[in-house]
Amino acid sequence: MKYSELYKKEELVLRISESNVLAFDQLFIAMHPALCLFANRIVANEAAAKDIVSEIFLQLWKNREALNEVKNIEAYLYTATRNRSLNHLRKSKREGEKEGMAAEQLEEKPAEDILQEIFNAEVIRTLHEAIKTLPPECTKVVQMGIEGFSTNEIALRLGVSASAVSHQKARAIRLLREKIAPGIALITLLLAD
């Protein structure tokens, strides 16, 4: 579900600052997967990345009254994720863990690399949102394909022919191109020099 379906982007932060749980849930559902991916790219530990993002959302809820000062919630969340991930790496380094060495490497990365990681996370988030809007039969086929099932395995599990699965895949690709291409083009233009 896109969080813009219930509340427009501008309203979302205001609603959360007013303790609206539905608005908070919308933001969480929309941003959690992309932020976990982004954090995992930094800390290279999926469990730690999920913990980091959970802590960010918990902190966001605790300090929700101060949110009316936030102009761009996505930028705020990505910045918080980056900072908390770097802090995690620094702490790991102090504790002598192997993953702590990655903190030095990340701090030396140029801003363009961080922007690319954010771009990648947003593309994946956009793709997952678009998949949810596909017709149900297309959604099932695409999700099973993402999980690694072959065309024949999907056909067997769904009780349809392999050609029907191939047709649904082709249909899904066509629909996803129509839904995603304009948004990705816009993001690319915004991040271009």
Protein backbone atom coordinates (compact mmCIF):
# COMPACT_ATOMS: atom_id res chain seq x y z
CA MET A 1 0.00 0.00 0.00
CA LYS A 2 1.31 3.43 -0.87
CA TYR A 3 1.12 5.73 2.09
CA SER A 4 -0.14 8.40 -0.28
CA GLU A 5 -3.30 6.35 -0.80
CA LEU A 6 -4.77 7.41 2.55
CA TYR A 7 -2.90 10.58 3.35
CA LYS A 8 -1.11 12.86 0.97
CA LYS A 9 2.57 13.19 1.63
CA GLU A 10 2.13 16.67 3.11
CA GLU A 11 -0.54 15.45 5.54
CA LEU A 12 1.33 12.37 6.67
CA VAL A 13 3.85 14.06 8.96
CA LEU A 14 1.14 16.25 10.44
CA ARG A 15 -1.06 13.22 11.15
CA ILE A 16 1.81 11.34 12.76
CA SER A 17 2.68 14.36 14.91
CA GLU A 18 -0.97 14.26 16.08
CA SER A 19 -0.47 10.61 17.18
CA ASN A 20 -2.39 9.10 14.25
CA VAL A 21 -1.39 5.42 14.33
CA LEU A 22 -2.82 4.73 10.86
CA ALA A 23 -0.59 7.40 9.32
CA PHE A 24 2.42 5.99 11.17
CA ASP A 25 1.57 2.49 9.93
CA GLN A 26 1.33 3.78 6.36
CA LEU A 27 4.76 5.37 6.60
CA PHE A 28 6.22 2.23 8.18
CA ILE A 29 4.79 -0.08 5.50
CA ALA A 30 5.97 2.19 2.70
CA MET A 31 9.48 2.92 3.95
CA HIS A 32 10.58 -0.01 6.15
CA PRO A 33 11.76 -2.37 3.36
CA ALA A 34 13.76 0.31 1.54
CA LEU A 35 15.35 1.58 4.76
CA CYS A 36 16.30 -1.98 5.77
CA LEU A 37 17.92 -2.49 2.38
CA PHE A 38 19.79 0.80 2.73
CA ALA A 39 20.97 0.00 6.27
CA ASN A 40 22.03 -3.49 5.21
CA ARG A 41 24.18 -2.00 2.43
CA ILE A 42 26.02 -0.05 5.11
CA VAL A 43 26.31 -2.56 7.96
CA ALA A 44 26.32 -5.76 5.85
CA ASN A 45 24.20 -7.52 8.47
CA GLU A 46 20.50 -8.06 7.77
CA ALA A 47 19.48 -8.56 11.41
CA ALA A 48 21.37 -5.47 12.53
CA ALA A 49 19.85 -3.47 9.66
CA LYS A 50 16.33 -4.44 10.72
CA ASP A 51 17.12 -3.51 14.32
CA ILE A 52 18.50 -0.14 13.24
CA VAL A 53 15.40 0.69 11.20
CA SER A 54 13.09 -0.49 13.98
CA GLU A 55 14.92 1.79 16.41
CA ILE A 56 14.51 4.71 14.01
CA PHE A 57 10.76 4.19 13.74
CA LEU A 58 10.47 3.76 17.50
CA GLN A 59 12.36 7.03 18.01
CA LEU A 60 10.23 8.71 15.35
CA TRP A 61 7.07 7.72 17.22
CA LYS A 62 8.46 8.80 20.61
CA ASN A 63 9.39 12.23 19.21
CA ARG A 64 6.36 12.61 16.94
CA GLU A 65 5.33 15.98 18.39
CA ALA A 66 8.51 17.53 16.95
CA LEU A 67 7.85 16.17 13.44
CA ASN A 68 6.06 19.28 12.20
CA GLU A 69 9.53 20.74 11.61
CA VAL A 70 10.40 17.95 9.15
CA LYS A 71 9.94 19.08 5.54
CA ASN A 72 10.85 15.83 3.75
CA ILE A 73 10.12 12.67 5.72
CA GLU A 74 11.92 10.36 3.28
CA ALA A 75 15.13 12.40 3.44
CA TYR A 76 14.82 12.54 7.22
CA LEU A 77 14.46 8.75 7.45
CA TYR A 78 17.34 8.03 5.05
CA THR A 79 19.60 10.43 6.95
CA ALA A 80 18.64 8.88 10.28
CA THR A 81 19.27 5.40 8.86
CA ARG A 82 22.67 6.36 7.50
CA ASN A 83 23.73 8.01 10.76
CA ARG A 84 22.51 5.18 12.97
CA SER A 85 24.14 2.61 10.68
CA LEU A 86 27.46 4.44 10.87
CA ASN A 87 27.14 4.61 14.66
CA HIS A 88 26.52 0.86 14.69
CA LEU A 89 29.70 0.30 12.67
CA ARG A 90 31.73 2.58 14.94
CA LYS A 91 30.45 0.74 17.99
CA SER A 92 31.27 -2.59 16.36
CA LYS A 93 34.76 -1.33 15.58
CA ARG A 94 35.30 -0.28 19.18
CA GLU A 95 34.17 -3.70 20.28
CA GLY A 96 36.69 -5.23 17.89
CA GLU A 97 34.20 -6.86 15.56
CA LYS A 98 35.25 -7.58 11.99
CA GLU A 99 32.37 -5.58 10.47
CA GLY A 100 33.68 -2.43 12.14
CA MET A 101 36.30 -2.08 9.42
CA ALA A 102 33.52 -1.20 6.99
CA ALA A 103 32.87 2.07 8.86
CA GLU A 104 36.16 3.56 7.70
CA GLN A 105 35.48 2.50 4.13
CA LEU A 106 31.97 3.98 4.18
CA GLU A 107 33.09 7.29 5.65
CA GLU A 108 35.52 7.60 2.74
CA LYS A 109 32.76 7.00 0.18
CA PRO A 110 31.78 10.07 -1.80
CA ALA A 111 28.28 11.49 -1.42
CA GLU A 112 27.41 10.20 -4.91
CA ASP A 113 27.80 6.60 -3.68
CA ILE A 114 25.42 7.25 -0.80
CA LEU A 115 22.94 8.86 -3.23
CA GLN A 116 23.23 5.78 -5.45
CA GLU A 117 22.41 3.52 -2.48
CA ILE A 118 19.36 5.67 -1.69
CA PHE A 119 18.35 5.57 -5.35
CA ASN A 120 18.65 1.76 -5.41
CA ALA A 121 16.54 1.44 -2.25
CA GLU A 122 13.88 3.77 -3.66
CA VAL A 123 13.75 1.87 -6.96
CA ILE A 124 13.18 -1.40 -5.09
CA ARG A 125 10.55 0.23 -2.88
CA THR A 126 8.79 1.62 -5.96
CA LEU A 127 8.92 -1.77 -7.65
CA HIS A 128 7.39 -3.53 -4.64
CA GLU A 129 4.62 -0.94 -4.43
CA ALA A 130 3.90 -1.36 -8.14
CA ILE A 131 3.80 -5.16 -7.83
CA LYS A 132 1.08 -4.82 -5.19
CA THR A 133 -1.10 -2.93 -7.70
CA LEU A 134 -0.96 -5.67 -10.35
CA PRO A 135 -3.94 -7.95 -10.96
CA PRO A 136 -3.95 -10.78 -8.37
CA GLU A 137 -2.83 -13.51 -10.78
CA CYS A 138 0.10 -11.38 -11.99
CA THR A 139 1.07 -10.52 -8.42
CA LYS A 140 1.20 -14.19 -7.42
CA VAL A 141 3.37 -15.12 -10.41
CA VAL A 142 5.76 -12.18 -9.89
CA GLN A 143 6.12 -12.79 -6.15
CA MET A 144 6.82 -16.48 -6.70
CA GLY A 145 9.37 -15.56 -9.38
CA ILE A 146 11.08 -13.19 -6.95
CA GLU A 147 11.18 -16.02 -4.41
CA GLY A 148 13.15 -18.07 -6.96
CA PHE A 149 10.54 -20.43 -8.36
CA SER A 150 10.90 -21.39 -12.02
CA THR A 151 8.04 -21.07 -14.52
CA ASN A 152 7.32 -24.79 -14.28
CA GLU A 153 7.37 -24.73 -10.47
CA ILE A 154 4.97 -21.77 -10.41
CA ALA A 155 2.67 -23.53 -12.86
CA LEU A 156 2.67 -26.68 -10.73
CA ARG A 157 1.99 -24.79 -7.48
CA LEU A 158 -0.79 -22.68 -9.01
CA GLY A 159 -2.30 -25.57 -10.98
CA VAL A 160 -2.03 -23.82 -14.34
CA SER A 161 -0.02 -24.38 -17.50
CA ALA A 162 3.52 -23.08 -17.95
CA SER A 163 2.29 -20.98 -20.88
CA ALA A 164 -0.28 -19.32 -18.60
CA VAL A 165 2.52 -18.46 -16.16
CA SER A 166 4.64 -17.07 -19.01
CA HIS A 167 1.67 -15.00 -20.18
CA GLN A 168 1.18 -13.57 -16.67
CA LYS A 169 4.89 -12.77 -16.42
CA ALA A 170 4.81 -10.92 -19.76
CA ARG A 171 1.65 -9.07 -18.71
CA ALA A 172 3.23 -8.13 -15.37
CA ILE A 173 6.38 -6.82 -17.07
CA ARG A 174 4.32 -4.70 -19.47
CA LEU A 175 2.18 -3.28 -16.62
CA LEU A 176 5.21 -2.63 -14.41
CA ARG A 177 7.00 -0.77 -17.19
CA GLU A 178 3.96 1.48 -17.60
CA LYS A 179 3.74 2.15 -13.85
CA ILE A 180 7.40 2.46 -12.96
CA ALA A 181 9.18 3.96 -15.96
CA PRO A 182 7.92 7.54 -15.50
CA GLY A 183 8.81 7.56 -11.79
CA ILE A 184 12.28 6.10 -12.30
CA ALA A 185 12.94 8.57 -15.10
CA LEU A 186 12.00 11.44 -12.78
CA ILE A 187 14.21 10.15 -9.95
CA THR A 188 17.10 9.74 -12.40
CA LEU A 189 16.66 13.32 -13.64
CA LEU A 190 16.58 14.66 -10.09
CA LEU A 191 19.80 12.87 -9.15
CA ALA A 192 21.65 13.73 -12.38
CA ASP A 193 24.34 16.40 -12.32
